[in-house]
Amino acid sequence: LVGGTFTSYAGIPRGHLARLNTDGSLDLTFAGDGVLGDIDSIALGPGGKVVVGGSISPAAGQPLVGIARFNADGSRDDAFSIGSGFNDRVLTLAVAPDGKITAGGLFRTYNGVGRGGIARLNANGSLDTSFDPGSGFWGSVNSVVVMTDGRIVVGGGFFYYNTKDVYNVVRLASNGALDTGFNVGTGTGGGAVRSVAVQADGKVLIGGEFTTFNGSERKHLARLTTTGTVDPAFDPYVGADGTISSVKVLSDGKVLVAGEFTAYYGEYCPGLARVLSTGDVDRDFVCDG
């Protein structure tokens, strides 16, 4: 599944959403149903349903709602009822096994109810009021990950959450309360977090625009312990020479990073690198441009 600003794939019209076959050809069995607006995030839900977030409107000339859901064949899911939806862009999505959707972005409300940058929806699209972020975040929420125990790790460009000072990465309880057991100190300071990923052991990887974390040099990539401190066992050395915008933990514990860089750990690897669990670059992964 791919989403973005495009309006065609291989010359065939597709409005910002398409599904590709394993050989890269367009899957003509997936309708896509003509999304109106740019897509920033895609998440898969139960039953193969596809949730998309971005600057999405339901129809031409209609206000932005930020989110839509499609059936496995790409037809619009009419059972997903969001009312007036979000009042601004949705940048990140995570879908739980029960179908609940955690959304983050630039929005301040959902269906008229205050939700500062983060909200959780029930599977039918209604607001899940058991998740209450209070006044929420001030700034952008760029990445959310729902952990297996229901806690939520959030990264972005923000400086407070529900009136409390926070610095671009936090962990929330499943009810939306700030998890005070995850203390990042001064965090990434003024450098936004673009992407978060959580290992099976609960350690958190963050990538972004930052060059330090709580006073320690960490150029665009860091791993945090379960309590929010820098993990000294993960040392990226000189790190990346530019922003890391996506972080993915692989099944073998290695980490795939992508972004606006040309080198990582001193090795030439423009835009894409694979990182060992120690933070060193994986030299068996050749990406020479």
C-alpha atoms as a PDB file:
ATOM      1  CA  LEU A   1       0.000   0.000   0.000  1.00  0.00           C
ATOM      2  CA  VAL A   2       1.302   3.443  -0.928  1.00  0.00           C
ATOM      3  CA  GLY A   3      -0.118   6.859  -0.186  1.00  0.00           C
ATOM      4  CA  GLY A   4       0.968  10.414  -0.890  1.00  0.00           C
ATOM      5  CA  THR A   5       0.323  13.303  -3.250  1.00  0.00           C
ATOM      6  CA  PHE A   6       0.241  11.334  -6.514  1.00  0.00           C
ATOM      7  CA  THR A   7      -2.746  11.049  -8.841  1.00  0.00           C
ATOM      8  CA  SER A   8      -1.597   8.134 -11.010  1.00  0.00           C
ATOM      9  CA  TYR A   9       0.606   5.048 -10.928  1.00  0.00           C
ATOM     10  CA  ALA A  10       2.240   3.743 -14.124  1.00  0.00           C
ATOM     11  CA  GLY A  11      -0.058   6.071 -16.028  1.00  0.00           C
ATOM     12  CA  ILE A  12      -3.230   4.676 -14.438  1.00  0.00           C
ATOM     13  CA  PRO A  13      -5.305   7.167 -12.404  1.00  0.00           C
ATOM     14  CA  ARG A  14      -5.135   6.603  -8.652  1.00  0.00           C
ATOM     15  CA  GLY A  15      -6.104   9.359  -6.250  1.00  0.00           C
ATOM     16  CA  HIS A  16      -3.349   9.419  -3.599  1.00  0.00           C
ATOM     17  CA  LEU A  17      -3.820   5.732  -2.612  1.00  0.00           C
ATOM     18  CA  ALA A  18      -2.851   2.536  -4.421  1.00  0.00           C
ATOM     19  CA  ARG A  19      -1.970  -1.076  -3.751  1.00  0.00           C
ATOM     20  CA  LEU A  20       0.870  -2.734  -5.610  1.00  0.00           C
ATOM     21  CA  ASN A  21       1.412  -6.390  -6.389  1.00  0.00           C
ATOM     22  CA  THR A  22       4.598  -8.074  -5.161  1.00  0.00           C
ATOM     23  CA  ASP A  23       6.252  -7.432  -8.549  1.00  0.00           C
ATOM     24  CA  GLY A  24       5.520  -3.679  -8.322  1.00  0.00           C
ATOM     25  CA  SER A  25       2.634  -3.623 -10.774  1.00  0.00           C
ATOM     26  CA  LEU A  26      -0.611  -1.889  -9.836  1.00  0.00           C
ATOM     27  CA  ASP A  27      -3.187  -4.115  -8.131  1.00  0.00           C
ATOM     28  CA  LEU A  28      -6.279  -3.398 -10.210  1.00  0.00           C
ATOM     29  CA  THR A  29      -8.515  -5.244  -7.718  1.00  0.00           C
ATOM     30  CA  PHE A  30      -7.971  -2.480  -5.135  1.00  0.00           C
ATOM     31  CA  ALA A  31     -10.213   0.479  -5.930  1.00  0.00           C
ATOM     32  CA  GLY A  32      -8.729   3.166  -3.659  1.00  0.00           C
ATOM     33  CA  ASP A  33     -12.030   5.020  -4.080  1.00  0.00           C
ATOM     34  CA  GLY A  34     -10.429   8.363  -4.968  1.00  0.00           C
ATOM     35  CA  VAL A  35      -9.082   9.908  -1.767  1.00  0.00           C
ATOM     36  CA  LEU A  36      -9.442  13.691  -1.857  1.00  0.00           C
ATOM     37  CA  GLY A  37      -6.339  15.123  -0.229  1.00  0.00           C
ATOM     38  CA  ASP A  38      -2.763  14.118   0.495  1.00  0.00           C
ATOM     39  CA  ILE A  39      -2.052  11.002   2.562  1.00  0.00           C
ATOM     40  CA  ASP A  40       0.590  11.140   5.315  1.00  0.00           C
ATOM     41  CA  SER A  41      -0.037   7.798   7.047  1.00  0.00           C
ATOM     42  CA  ILE A  42      -1.464   4.342   6.331  1.00  0.00           C
ATOM     43  CA  ALA A  43      -2.318   1.668   8.906  1.00  0.00           C
ATOM     44  CA  LEU A  44      -3.876  -1.765   8.512  1.00  0.00           C
ATOM     45  CA  GLY A  45      -6.733  -2.835  10.750  1.00  0.00           C
ATOM     46  CA  PRO A  46      -8.580  -6.094  11.448  1.00  0.00           C
ATOM     47  CA  GLY A  47     -10.098  -7.756   8.420  1.00  0.00           C
ATOM     48  CA  GLY A  48      -7.652  -6.083   6.059  1.00  0.00           C
ATOM     49  CA  LYS A  49      -9.283  -2.675   6.444  1.00  0.00           C
ATOM     50  CA  VAL A  50      -7.074   0.254   5.453  1.00  0.00           C
ATOM     51  CA  VAL A  51      -7.017   3.459   7.533  1.00  0.00           C
ATOM     52  CA  VAL A  52      -5.459   6.565   6.011  1.00  0.00           C
ATOM     53  CA  GLY A  53      -4.657   9.921   7.548  1.00  0.00           C
ATOM     54  CA  GLY A  54      -3.648  13.251   6.068  1.00  0.00           C
ATOM     55  CA  SER A  55      -5.269  16.387   4.708  1.00  0.00           C
ATOM     56  CA  ILE A  56      -8.310  14.402   3.599  1.00  0.00           C
ATOM     57  CA  SER A  57     -11.770  15.670   2.685  1.00  0.00           C
ATOM     58  CA  PRO A  58     -14.837  13.481   2.103  1.00  0.00           C
ATOM     59  CA  ALA A  59     -15.780  15.183  -1.162  1.00  0.00           C
ATOM     60  CA  ALA A  60     -14.774  18.083  -3.375  1.00  0.00           C
ATOM     61  CA  GLY A  61     -15.369  21.412  -1.669  1.00  0.00           C
ATOM     62  CA  GLN A  62     -15.982  19.813   1.732  1.00  0.00           C
ATOM     63  CA  PRO A  63     -14.017  20.690   4.914  1.00  0.00           C
ATOM     64  CA  LEU A  64     -11.021  18.622   5.923  1.00  0.00           C
ATOM     65  CA  VAL A  65     -11.779  15.548   8.085  1.00  0.00           C
ATOM     66  CA  GLY A  66      -8.256  14.113   8.188  1.00  0.00           C
ATOM     67  CA  ILE A  67      -9.077  10.395   8.181  1.00  0.00           C
ATOM     68  CA  ALA A  68     -10.842   7.716   6.140  1.00  0.00           C
ATOM     69  CA  ARG A  69     -11.169   3.934   6.199  1.00  0.00           C
ATOM     70  CA  PHE A  70     -11.440   1.527   3.273  1.00  0.00           C
ATOM     71  CA  ASN A  71     -12.422  -2.106   2.990  1.00  0.00           C
ATOM     72  CA  ALA A  72      -9.890  -4.719   1.912  1.00  0.00           C
ATOM     73  CA  ASP A  73     -10.938  -4.256  -1.731  1.00  0.00           C
ATOM     74  CA  GLY A  74     -10.360  -0.493  -1.579  1.00  0.00           C
ATOM     75  CA  SER A  75     -14.002   0.542  -1.423  1.00  0.00           C
ATOM     76  CA  ARG A  76     -14.878   3.177   1.167  1.00  0.00           C
ATOM     77  CA  ASP A  77     -16.034   1.721   4.494  1.00  0.00           C
ATOM     78  CA  ASP A  78     -19.418   3.352   5.131  1.00  0.00           C
ATOM     79  CA  ALA A  79     -19.578   1.804   8.634  1.00  0.00           C
ATOM     80  CA  PHE A  80     -16.760   4.162   9.707  1.00  0.00           C
ATOM     81  CA  SER A  81     -18.667   7.226  10.897  1.00  0.00           C
ATOM     82  CA  ILE A  82     -16.534  10.177  12.003  1.00  0.00           C
ATOM     83  CA  GLY A  83     -18.956  13.096  11.900  1.00  0.00           C
ATOM     84  CA  SER A  84     -16.997  16.289  11.224  1.00  0.00           C
ATOM     85  CA  GLY A  85     -13.742  14.435  11.889  1.00  0.00           C
ATOM     86  CA  PHE A  86     -10.487  16.252  12.613  1.00  0.00           C
ATOM     87  CA  ASN A  87     -10.064  19.984  12.099  1.00  0.00           C
ATOM     88  CA  ASP A  88      -6.504  19.679  10.786  1.00  0.00           C
ATOM     89  CA  ARG A  89      -4.012  17.235   9.327  1.00  0.00           C
ATOM     90  CA  VAL A  90      -3.495  13.699  10.661  1.00  0.00           C
ATOM     91  CA  LEU A  91       0.204  12.766  10.437  1.00  0.00           C
ATOM     92  CA  THR A  92       0.364   9.355  12.096  1.00  0.00           C
ATOM     93  CA  LEU A  93      -1.906   6.379  12.827  1.00  0.00           C
ATOM     94  CA  ALA A  94      -1.761   3.160  14.828  1.00  0.00           C
ATOM     95  CA  VAL A  95      -4.490   0.514  14.826  1.00  0.00           C
ATOM     96  CA  ALA A  96      -4.868  -1.895  17.762  1.00  0.00           C
ATOM     97  CA  PRO A  97      -5.997  -5.530  17.357  1.00  0.00           C
ATOM     98  CA  ASP A  98      -9.473  -4.520  18.605  1.00  0.00           C
ATOM     99  CA  GLY A  99      -9.754  -2.005  15.759  1.00  0.00           C
ATOM    100  CA  LYS A 100      -9.323   1.120  17.875  1.00  0.00           C
ATOM    101  CA  ILE A 101      -7.339   3.831  16.115  1.00  0.00           C
ATOM    102  CA  THR A 102      -4.831   6.182  17.730  1.00  0.00           C
ATOM    103  CA  ALA A 103      -4.254   9.275  15.590  1.00  0.00           C
ATOM    104  CA  GLY A 104      -1.738  12.068  15.968  1.00  0.00           C
ATOM    105  CA  GLY A 105      -1.115  15.249  14.034  1.00  0.00           C
ATOM    106  CA  LEU A 106      -1.766  18.970  13.922  1.00  0.00           C
ATOM    107  CA  PHE A 107      -5.451  18.906  14.858  1.00  0.00           C
ATOM    108  CA  ARG A 108      -7.093  20.473  17.918  1.00  0.00           C
ATOM    109  CA  THR A 109     -10.532  18.833  17.775  1.00  0.00           C
ATOM    110  CA  TYR A 110     -12.266  15.647  16.681  1.00  0.00           C
ATOM    111  CA  ASN A 111     -15.938  15.856  15.791  1.00  0.00           C
ATOM    112  CA  GLY A 112     -16.110  19.095  17.763  1.00  0.00           C
ATOM    113  CA  VAL A 113     -14.479  17.708  20.939  1.00  0.00           C
ATOM    114  CA  GLY A 114     -11.114  19.117  22.065  1.00  0.00           C
ATOM    115  CA  ARG A 115      -8.205  16.767  21.338  1.00  0.00           C
ATOM    116  CA  GLY A 116      -4.821  18.499  21.197  1.00  0.00           C
ATOM    117  CA  GLY A 117      -2.819  16.560  18.642  1.00  0.00           C
ATOM    118  CA  ILE A 118      -3.819  13.067  19.763  1.00  0.00           C
ATOM    119  CA  ALA A 119      -7.063  11.105  19.894  1.00  0.00           C
ATOM    120  CA  ARG A 120      -8.240   7.518  20.061  1.00  0.00           C
ATOM    121  CA  LEU A 121     -11.251   6.376  18.053  1.00  0.00           C
ATOM    122  CA  ASN A 122     -13.433   3.347  18.499  1.00  0.00           C
ATOM    123  CA  ALA A 123     -13.623   0.852  15.658  1.00  0.00           C
ATOM    124  CA  ASN A 124     -16.830   2.480  14.383  1.00  0.00           C
ATOM    125  CA  GLY A 125     -15.197   5.928  14.165  1.00  0.00           C
ATOM    126  CA  SER A 126     -16.669   7.444  17.325  1.00  0.00           C
ATOM    127  CA  LEU A 127     -14.389   9.166  19.816  1.00  0.00           C
ATOM    128  CA  ASP A 128     -13.067   6.857  22.538  1.00  0.00           C
ATOM    129  CA  THR A 129     -13.690   8.990  25.629  1.00  0.00           C
ATOM    130  CA  SER A 130     -11.865   6.503  27.895  1.00  0.00           C
ATOM    131  CA  PHE A 131      -8.688   8.035  26.416  1.00  0.00           C
ATOM    132  CA  ASP A 132      -8.555  11.596  27.708  1.00  0.00           C
ATOM    133  CA  PRO A 133      -5.466  13.684  26.864  1.00  0.00           C
ATOM    134  CA  GLY A 134      -6.799  16.811  28.578  1.00  0.00           C
ATOM    135  CA  SER A 135      -5.458  19.805  26.669  1.00  0.00           C
ATOM    136  CA  GLY A 136      -3.129  17.443  24.798  1.00  0.00           C
ATOM    137  CA  PHE A 137       0.033  18.486  23.017  1.00  0.00           C
ATOM    138  CA  TRP A 138       1.086  21.904  21.908  1.00  0.00           C
ATOM    139  CA  GLY A 139       2.839  21.357  18.591  1.00  0.00           C
ATOM    140  CA  SER A 140       2.913  18.519  16.100  1.00  0.00           C
ATOM    141  CA  VAL A 141       2.531  14.814  16.854  1.00  0.00           C
ATOM    142  CA  ASN A 142       4.578  13.046  14.178  1.00  0.00           C
ATOM    143  CA  SER A 143       4.631   9.419  15.312  1.00  0.00           C
ATOM    144  CA  VAL A 144       2.644   7.164  17.652  1.00  0.00           C
ATOM    145  CA  VAL A 145       3.248   3.536  18.613  1.00  0.00           C
ATOM    146  CA  VAL A 146       0.818   1.536  20.725  1.00  0.00           C
ATOM    147  CA  MET A 147       2.683  -0.978  22.884  1.00  0.00           C
ATOM    148  CA  THR A 148       1.380  -4.472  23.589  1.00  0.00           C
ATOM    149  CA  ASP A 149       0.293  -3.409  27.095  1.00  0.00           C
ATOM    150  CA  GLY A 150      -1.727  -0.479  25.727  1.00  0.00           C
ATOM    151  CA  ARG A 151       0.716   2.283  26.601  1.00  0.00           C
ATOM    152  CA  ILE A 152       1.468   4.750  23.809  1.00  0.00           C
ATOM    153  CA  VAL A 153       4.838   6.212  22.822  1.00  0.00           C
ATOM    154  CA  VAL A 154       4.562   9.580  21.098  1.00  0.00           C
ATOM    155  CA  GLY A 155       7.173  11.587  19.221  1.00  0.00           C
ATOM    156  CA  GLY A 156       6.922  14.990  17.613  1.00  0.00           C
ATOM    157  CA  GLY A 157       7.729  18.662  17.875  1.00  0.00           C
ATOM    158  CA  PHE A 158       6.042  19.632  21.135  1.00  0.00           C
ATOM    159  CA  PHE A 159       6.940  21.141  24.478  1.00  0.00           C
ATOM    160  CA  TYR A 160       4.047  20.347  26.746  1.00  0.00           C
ATOM    161  CA  TYR A 161       1.371  17.764  27.273  1.00  0.00           C
ATOM    162  CA  ASN A 162      -1.751  18.596  29.259  1.00  0.00           C
ATOM    163  CA  THR A 163      -0.004  21.614  30.857  1.00  0.00           C
ATOM    164  CA  LYS A 164       3.126  19.601  31.798  1.00  0.00           C
ATOM    165  CA  ASP A 165       6.526  20.360  30.241  1.00  0.00           C
ATOM    166  CA  VAL A 166       7.654  17.571  27.917  1.00  0.00           C
ATOM    167  CA  TYR A 167      10.292  17.534  25.201  1.00  0.00           C
ATOM    168  CA  ASN A 168       9.360  15.858  21.927  1.00  0.00           C
ATOM    169  CA  VAL A 169       8.971  12.279  23.200  1.00  0.00           C
ATOM    170  CA  VAL A 170       6.656  10.895  25.888  1.00  0.00           C
ATOM    171  CA  ARG A 171       4.958   7.702  26.938  1.00  0.00           C
ATOM    172  CA  LEU A 172       1.288   7.755  27.871  1.00  0.00           C
ATOM    173  CA  ALA A 173      -0.827   5.353  29.883  1.00  0.00           C
ATOM    174  CA  SER A 174      -3.652   3.647  27.999  1.00  0.00           C
ATOM    175  CA  ASN A 175      -6.124   6.188  29.455  1.00  0.00           C
ATOM    176  CA  GLY A 176      -4.141   9.176  28.149  1.00  0.00           C
ATOM    177  CA  ALA A 177      -2.403  10.123  31.394  1.00  0.00           C
ATOM    178  CA  LEU A 178       1.271  11.025  31.206  1.00  0.00           C
ATOM    179  CA  ASP A 179       3.425   8.032  32.188  1.00  0.00           C
ATOM    180  CA  THR A 180       5.769   9.553  34.772  1.00  0.00           C
ATOM    181  CA  GLY A 181       7.832   6.355  34.832  1.00  0.00           C
ATOM    182  CA  PHE A 182       9.255   7.464  31.487  1.00  0.00           C
ATOM    183  CA  ASN A 183      11.353  10.549  32.225  1.00  0.00           C
ATOM    184  CA  VAL A 184      13.393  11.963  29.355  1.00  0.00           C
ATOM    185  CA  GLY A 185      14.732  15.021  31.175  1.00  0.00           C
ATOM    186  CA  THR A 186      15.365  17.771  28.620  1.00  0.00           C
ATOM    187  CA  GLY A 187      14.799  15.230  25.847  1.00  0.00           C
ATOM    188  CA  THR A 188      15.751  16.340  22.369  1.00  0.00           C
ATOM    189  CA  GLY A 189      15.534  20.027  23.211  1.00  0.00           C
ATOM    190  CA  GLY A 190      14.521  21.953  20.104  1.00  0.00           C
ATOM    191  CA  GLY A 191      15.000  19.080  17.657  1.00  0.00           C
ATOM    192  CA  ALA A 192      11.762  17.395  16.689  1.00  0.00           C
ATOM    193  CA  VAL A 193      11.277  13.615  16.734  1.00  0.00           C
ATOM    194  CA  ARG A 194      10.014  12.384  13.377  1.00  0.00           C
ATOM    195  CA  SER A 195       9.653   8.663  14.102  1.00  0.00           C
ATOM    196  CA  VAL A 196       9.455   6.306  17.079  1.00  0.00           C
ATOM    197  CA  ALA A 197       9.717   2.527  17.243  1.00  0.00           C
ATOM    198  CA  VAL A 198       9.485   0.191  20.215  1.00  0.00           C
ATOM    199  CA  GLN A 199      11.540  -2.969  20.633  1.00  0.00           C
ATOM    200  CA  ALA A 200      10.090  -6.161  22.090  1.00  0.00           C
ATOM    201  CA  ASP A 201      11.875  -5.397  25.389  1.00  0.00           C
ATOM    202  CA  GLY A 202      10.185  -1.987  25.647  1.00  0.00           C
ATOM    203  CA  LYS A 203      13.192   0.104  24.687  1.00  0.00           C
ATOM    204  CA  VAL A 204      12.340   3.029  22.422  1.00  0.00           C
ATOM    205  CA  LEU A 205      14.154   4.124  19.273  1.00  0.00           C
ATOM    206  CA  ILE A 206      13.702   7.690  18.081  1.00  0.00           C
ATOM    207  CA  GLY A 207      14.816   9.377  14.883  1.00  0.00           C
ATOM    208  CA  GLY A 208      14.478  12.991  13.881  1.00  0.00           C
ATOM    209  CA  GLU A 209      16.017  16.435  13.628  1.00  0.00           C
ATOM    210  CA  PHE A 210      17.787  16.403  17.009  1.00  0.00           C
ATOM    211  CA  THR A 211      21.533  16.166  17.669  1.00  0.00           C
ATOM    212  CA  THR A 212      21.467  15.647  21.450  1.00  0.00           C
ATOM    213  CA  PHE A 213      19.281  13.846  23.946  1.00  0.00           C
ATOM    214  CA  ASN A 214      19.245  15.036  27.552  1.00  0.00           C
ATOM    215  CA  GLY A 215      22.749  16.437  27.116  1.00  0.00           C
ATOM    216  CA  SER A 216      24.262  13.375  25.388  1.00  0.00           C
ATOM    217  CA  GLU A 217      25.317  13.624  21.747  1.00  0.00           C
ATOM    218  CA  ARG A 218      22.924  11.588  19.640  1.00  0.00           C
ATOM    219  CA  LYS A 219      22.841  12.801  16.058  1.00  0.00           C
ATOM    220  CA  HIS A 220      19.389  12.075  14.692  1.00  0.00           C
ATOM    221  CA  LEU A 221      19.070   8.600  16.242  1.00  0.00           C
ATOM    222  CA  ALA A 222      18.905   7.368  19.826  1.00  0.00           C
ATOM    223  CA  ARG A 223      17.695   4.416  21.834  1.00  0.00           C
ATOM    224  CA  LEU A 224      16.065   4.987  25.207  1.00  0.00           C
ATOM    225  CA  THR A 225      15.673   2.600  28.102  1.00  0.00           C
ATOM    226  CA  THR A 226      12.232   1.703  29.441  1.00  0.00           C
ATOM    227  CA  THR A 227      12.590   4.582  31.926  1.00  0.00           C
ATOM    228  CA  GLY A 228      13.411   7.207  29.268  1.00  0.00           C
ATOM    229  CA  THR A 229      17.165   7.547  29.762  1.00  0.00           C
ATOM    230  CA  VAL A 230      19.698   7.235  26.929  1.00  0.00           C
ATOM    231  CA  ASP A 231      20.709   3.609  26.442  1.00  0.00           C
ATOM    232  CA  PRO A 232      24.546   3.644  26.530  1.00  0.00           C
ATOM    233  CA  ALA A 233      24.627   0.185  24.888  1.00  0.00           C
ATOM    234  CA  PHE A 234      23.366   1.810  21.678  1.00  0.00           C
ATOM    235  CA  ASP A 235      26.005   4.257  20.442  1.00  0.00           C
ATOM    236  CA  PRO A 236      25.516   5.668  16.931  1.00  0.00           C
ATOM    237  CA  TYR A 237      28.944   7.383  17.118  1.00  0.00           C
ATOM    238  CA  VAL A 238      28.730  10.349  14.676  1.00  0.00           C
ATOM    239  CA  GLY A 239      25.185   9.255  13.792  1.00  0.00           C
ATOM    240  CA  ALA A 240      23.496  10.489  10.645  1.00  0.00           C
ATOM    241  CA  ASP A 241      24.502  13.711   8.900  1.00  0.00           C
ATOM    242  CA  GLY A 242      20.882  14.703   8.355  1.00  0.00           C
ATOM    243  CA  THR A 243      17.350  14.134   9.568  1.00  0.00           C
ATOM    244  CA  ILE A 244      16.083  10.592  10.103  1.00  0.00           C
ATOM    245  CA  SER A 245      12.393  10.544   9.276  1.00  0.00           C
ATOM    246  CA  SER A 246      11.548   6.845   9.615  1.00  0.00           C
ATOM    247  CA  VAL A 247      12.720   4.104  12.008  1.00  0.00           C
ATOM    248  CA  LYS A 248      11.735   0.433  11.762  1.00  0.00           C
ATOM    249  CA  VAL A 249      12.839  -2.367  14.111  1.00  0.00           C
ATOM    250  CA  LEU A 250      13.394  -5.585  12.172  1.00  0.00           C
ATOM    251  CA  SER A 251      12.659  -9.087  13.451  1.00  0.00           C
ATOM    252  CA  ASP A 252      16.380  -9.811  14.049  1.00  0.00           C
ATOM    253  CA  GLY A 253      16.820  -6.691  16.215  1.00  0.00           C
ATOM    254  CA  LYS A 254      18.499  -4.626  13.533  1.00  0.00           C
ATOM    255  CA  VAL A 255      17.066  -1.211  12.727  1.00  0.00           C
ATOM    256  CA  LEU A 256      16.229   0.247   9.331  1.00  0.00           C
ATOM    257  CA  VAL A 257      16.422   4.038   9.104  1.00  0.00           C
ATOM    258  CA  ALA A 258      15.479   6.352   6.254  1.00  0.00           C
ATOM    259  CA  GLY A 259      15.612  10.092   5.812  1.00  0.00           C
ATOM    260  CA  GLU A 260      17.411  13.142   4.491  1.00  0.00           C
ATOM    261  CA  PHE A 261      20.992  12.027   5.143  1.00  0.00           C
ATOM    262  CA  THR A 262      23.940  10.945   3.031  1.00  0.00           C
ATOM    263  CA  ALA A 263      26.026   9.163   5.661  1.00  0.00           C
ATOM    264  CA  TYR A 264      25.548   7.196   8.873  1.00  0.00           C
ATOM    265  CA  TYR A 265      28.361   6.213  11.256  1.00  0.00           C
ATOM    266  CA  GLY A 266      30.772   7.714   8.718  1.00  0.00           C
ATOM    267  CA  GLU A 267      29.633   5.334   5.955  1.00  0.00           C
ATOM    268  CA  TYR A 268      28.156   6.628   2.704  1.00  0.00           C
ATOM    269  CA  CYS A 269      24.530   5.500   2.613  1.00  0.00           C
ATOM    270  CA  PRO A 270      22.297   8.210   1.139  1.00  0.00           C
ATOM    271  CA  GLY A 271      18.789   8.122   2.515  1.00  0.00           C
ATOM    272  CA  LEU A 272      18.759   4.543   3.803  1.00  0.00           C
ATOM    273  CA  ALA A 273      20.829   2.523   6.260  1.00  0.00           C
ATOM    274  CA  ARG A 274      20.556  -0.593   8.366  1.00  0.00           C
ATOM    275  CA  VAL A 275      21.855  -0.291  11.915  1.00  0.00           C
ATOM    276  CA  LEU A 276      23.082  -3.001  14.266  1.00  0.00           C
ATOM    277  CA  SER A 277      21.642  -3.384  17.759  1.00  0.00           C
ATOM    278  CA  THR A 278      24.797  -1.672  19.076  1.00  0.00           C
ATOM    279  CA  GLY A 279      24.166   1.459  16.986  1.00  0.00           C
ATOM    280  CA  ASP A 280      26.956   0.705  14.490  1.00  0.00           C
ATOM    281  CA  VAL A 281      26.125   0.686  10.795  1.00  0.00           C
ATOM    282  CA  ASP A 282      25.498  -2.733   9.250  1.00  0.00           C
ATOM    283  CA  ARG A 283      28.164  -2.908   6.553  1.00  0.00           C
ATOM    284  CA  ASP A 284      26.550  -6.008   5.038  1.00  0.00           C
ATOM    285  CA  PHE A 285      23.696  -3.764   3.892  1.00  0.00           C
ATOM    286  CA  VAL A 286      25.044  -1.958   0.842  1.00  0.00           C
ATOM    287  CA  CYS A 287      23.292   1.271  -0.067  1.00  0.00           C
ATOM    288  CA  ASP A 288      25.673   3.280  -2.205  1.00  0.00           C
ATOM    289  CA  GLY A 289      23.180   5.510  -3.967  1.00  0.00           C
END
